[in-house]
Amino acid sequence: MKKQLNYDELIALLRRRIKECGSQKDFAAMAGISAQYVSDVLHRRREPGQAILDALELQRVVTYREKD
């Protein structure tokens, strides 16, 4: 089974990939998106869309569970 990430782990992965690219601007250029959009995702103002998920090699999976 492939590893599932929670939102905090996704943001941490995004931060690592940004660091590997050198900057938010460089990551954004590589992903074909704006640096502002990357910033919005990092600051949790927007959900990561398909372009960011593709750049991180992730896919969105929706799950449900019983109430506590």
N, C-alpha and C. Protein backbone atom coordinates (compact mmCIF):
# COMPACT_ATOMS: atom_id res chain seq x y z
N MET A 1 0.85 -1.18 0.00
CA MET A 1 0.00 0.00 0.00
C MET A 1 0.89 1.24 0.00
N LYS A 2 0.52 2.21 -0.80
CA LYS A 2 1.28 3.45 -0.87
C LYS A 2 0.99 4.30 0.36
N LYS A 3 1.99 5.08 0.75
CA LYS A 3 1.86 5.92 1.93
C LYS A 3 0.84 7.02 1.71
N GLN A 4 0.01 7.24 2.70
CA GLN A 4 -0.94 8.35 2.67
C GLN A 4 -0.40 9.46 3.55
N LEU A 5 -0.55 10.69 3.07
CA LEU A 5 -0.07 11.85 3.80
C LEU A 5 -1.25 12.64 4.34
N ASN A 6 -1.07 13.20 5.53
CA ASN A 6 -2.07 14.15 6.00
C ASN A 6 -1.67 15.54 5.48
N TYR A 7 -2.46 16.53 5.75
CA TYR A 7 -2.22 17.86 5.19
C TYR A 7 -0.89 18.44 5.67
N ASP A 8 -0.57 18.26 6.95
CA ASP A 8 0.71 18.77 7.47
C ASP A 8 1.89 18.12 6.76
N GLU A 9 1.80 16.83 6.48
CA GLU A 9 2.87 16.13 5.78
C GLU A 9 2.99 16.60 4.33
N LEU A 10 1.86 16.90 3.71
CA LEU A 10 1.88 17.43 2.35
C LEU A 10 2.61 18.78 2.32
N ILE A 11 2.31 19.65 3.27
CA ILE A 11 2.96 20.95 3.34
C ILE A 11 4.45 20.78 3.60
N ALA A 12 4.83 19.85 4.47
CA ALA A 12 6.25 19.59 4.74
C ALA A 12 6.96 19.10 3.48
N LEU A 13 6.30 18.22 2.71
CA LEU A 13 6.87 17.74 1.46
C LEU A 13 7.02 18.90 0.48
N LEU A 14 6.03 19.75 0.39
CA LEU A 14 6.10 20.91 -0.49
C LEU A 14 7.28 21.79 -0.10
N ARG A 15 7.47 22.03 1.19
CA ARG A 15 8.60 22.85 1.65
C ARG A 15 9.94 22.22 1.27
N ARG A 16 10.04 20.89 1.39
CA ARG A 16 11.29 20.20 1.02
C ARG A 16 11.56 20.34 -0.48
N ARG A 17 10.52 20.17 -1.28
CA ARG A 17 10.70 20.28 -2.74
C ARG A 17 11.06 21.71 -3.14
N ILE A 18 10.48 22.69 -2.46
CA ILE A 18 10.84 24.09 -2.72
C ILE A 18 12.31 24.31 -2.41
N LYS A 19 12.75 23.77 -1.28
CA LYS A 19 14.16 23.90 -0.89
C LYS A 19 15.08 23.25 -1.92
N GLU A 20 14.67 22.07 -2.42
CA GLU A 20 15.46 21.37 -3.45
C GLU A 20 15.54 22.20 -4.73
N CYS A 21 14.47 22.91 -5.06
CA CYS A 21 14.45 23.74 -6.28
C CYS A 21 15.20 25.05 -6.09
N GLY A 22 15.35 25.48 -4.86
CA GLY A 22 16.08 26.71 -4.57
C GLY A 22 15.22 27.84 -4.04
N SER A 23 13.96 27.91 -4.51
CA SER A 23 13.07 28.97 -4.05
C SER A 23 11.63 28.64 -4.46
N GLN A 24 10.68 29.36 -3.85
CA GLN A 24 9.28 29.20 -4.25
C GLN A 24 9.10 29.55 -5.72
N LYS A 25 9.79 30.60 -6.15
CA LYS A 25 9.69 31.04 -7.53
C LYS A 25 10.20 29.95 -8.48
N ASP A 26 11.31 29.31 -8.14
CA ASP A 26 11.86 28.24 -8.98
C ASP A 26 10.94 27.03 -8.99
N PHE A 27 10.38 26.67 -7.84
CA PHE A 27 9.44 25.56 -7.79
C PHE A 27 8.22 25.86 -8.64
N ALA A 28 7.70 27.08 -8.50
CA ALA A 28 6.52 27.48 -9.26
C ALA A 28 6.79 27.41 -10.76
N ALA A 29 7.95 27.88 -11.20
CA ALA A 29 8.30 27.83 -12.62
C ALA A 29 8.37 26.39 -13.10
N MET A 30 8.96 25.52 -12.31
CA MET A 30 9.07 24.10 -12.66
C MET A 30 7.68 23.47 -12.79
N ALA A 31 6.76 23.86 -11.90
CA ALA A 31 5.41 23.28 -11.88
C ALA A 31 4.46 23.98 -12.85
N GLY A 32 4.88 25.11 -13.41
CA GLY A 32 4.03 25.84 -14.34
C GLY A 32 2.90 26.60 -13.66
N ILE A 33 3.17 27.08 -12.45
CA ILE A 33 2.17 27.81 -11.66
C ILE A 33 2.80 29.10 -11.13
N SER A 34 2.00 29.95 -10.52
CA SER A 34 2.54 31.20 -9.98
C SER A 34 3.14 31.00 -8.59
N ALA A 35 4.13 31.82 -8.30
CA ALA A 35 4.75 31.78 -6.97
C ALA A 35 3.73 32.18 -5.90
N GLN A 36 2.79 33.06 -6.23
CA GLN A 36 1.75 33.47 -5.29
C GLN A 36 0.87 32.29 -4.91
N TYR A 37 0.55 31.46 -5.90
CA TYR A 37 -0.26 30.26 -5.63
C TYR A 37 0.48 29.32 -4.68
N VAL A 38 1.77 29.13 -4.91
CA VAL A 38 2.57 28.29 -4.01
C VAL A 38 2.54 28.88 -2.60
N SER A 39 2.72 30.18 -2.50
CA SER A 39 2.68 30.84 -1.20
C SER A 39 1.33 30.65 -0.52
N ASP A 40 0.26 30.78 -1.28
CA ASP A 40 -1.09 30.60 -0.72
C ASP A 40 -1.27 29.19 -0.18
N VAL A 41 -0.76 28.20 -0.87
CA VAL A 41 -0.87 26.81 -0.40
C VAL A 41 -0.03 26.64 0.87
N LEU A 42 1.18 27.16 0.87
CA LEU A 42 2.04 27.04 2.05
C LEU A 42 1.42 27.68 3.29
N HIS A 43 0.69 28.78 3.07
CA HIS A 43 0.07 29.48 4.19
C HIS A 43 -1.38 29.06 4.41
N ARG A 44 -1.77 27.98 3.73
CA ARG A 44 -3.09 27.35 3.90
C ARG A 44 -4.25 28.26 3.54
N ARG A 45 -4.00 29.18 2.63
CA ARG A 45 -5.08 30.03 2.13
C ARG A 45 -5.82 29.36 0.97
N ARG A 46 -5.15 28.41 0.33
CA ARG A 46 -5.73 27.66 -0.78
C ARG A 46 -5.34 26.20 -0.67
N GLU A 47 -6.18 25.35 -1.19
CA GLU A 47 -5.87 23.92 -1.25
C GLU A 47 -4.91 23.67 -2.42
N PRO A 48 -4.05 22.68 -2.30
CA PRO A 48 -3.18 22.37 -3.43
C PRO A 48 -4.00 21.76 -4.57
N GLY A 49 -3.83 22.30 -5.75
CA GLY A 49 -4.54 21.81 -6.92
C GLY A 49 -3.72 20.77 -7.66
N GLN A 50 -4.21 20.38 -8.82
CA GLN A 50 -3.59 19.30 -9.57
C GLN A 50 -2.15 19.60 -9.97
N ALA A 51 -1.83 20.84 -10.32
CA ALA A 51 -0.46 21.16 -10.73
C ALA A 51 0.53 20.92 -9.59
N ILE A 52 0.17 21.32 -8.38
CA ILE A 52 1.06 21.08 -7.23
C ILE A 52 1.11 19.60 -6.92
N LEU A 53 -0.02 18.94 -6.94
CA LEU A 53 -0.03 17.50 -6.68
C LEU A 53 0.82 16.76 -7.70
N ASP A 54 0.73 17.15 -8.97
CA ASP A 54 1.55 16.52 -10.01
C ASP A 54 3.03 16.76 -9.75
N ALA A 55 3.40 17.98 -9.38
CA ALA A 55 4.80 18.30 -9.10
C ALA A 55 5.33 17.51 -7.92
N LEU A 56 4.47 17.19 -6.97
CA LEU A 56 4.85 16.41 -5.78
C LEU A 56 4.66 14.91 -5.99
N GLU A 57 4.16 14.55 -7.18
CA GLU A 57 3.87 13.15 -7.52
C GLU A 57 2.88 12.53 -6.52
N LEU A 58 1.82 13.29 -6.27
CA LEU A 58 0.76 12.85 -5.36
C LEU A 58 -0.57 12.84 -6.08
N GLN A 59 -1.51 12.14 -5.52
CA GLN A 59 -2.88 12.21 -5.99
C GLN A 59 -3.78 12.40 -4.79
N ARG A 60 -4.88 13.10 -5.01
CA ARG A 60 -5.84 13.36 -3.95
C ARG A 60 -6.72 12.11 -3.79
N VAL A 61 -6.90 11.71 -2.55
CA VAL A 61 -7.76 10.57 -2.21
C VAL A 61 -8.67 11.02 -1.08
N VAL A 62 -9.95 10.88 -1.27
CA VAL A 62 -10.92 11.26 -0.23
C VAL A 62 -11.30 10.02 0.54
N THR A 63 -11.27 10.12 1.86
CA THR A 63 -11.68 8.99 2.70
C THR A 63 -12.73 9.46 3.70
N TYR A 64 -13.44 8.50 4.22
CA TYR A 64 -14.46 8.76 5.22
C TYR A 64 -14.27 7.78 6.36
N ARG A 65 -14.68 8.17 7.55
CA ARG A 65 -14.61 7.26 8.68
C ARG A 65 -15.79 7.50 9.59
N GLU A 66 -16.03 6.55 10.47
CA GLU A 66 -17.12 6.67 11.41
C GLU A 66 -16.83 7.76 12.43
N LYS A 67 -17.86 8.36 12.93
CA LYS A 67 -17.70 9.36 13.98
C LYS A 67 -17.24 8.68 15.25
N ASP A 68 -16.51 9.44 16.07
CA ASP A 68 -16.06 8.92 17.37
C ASP A 68 -17.21 8.79 18.33
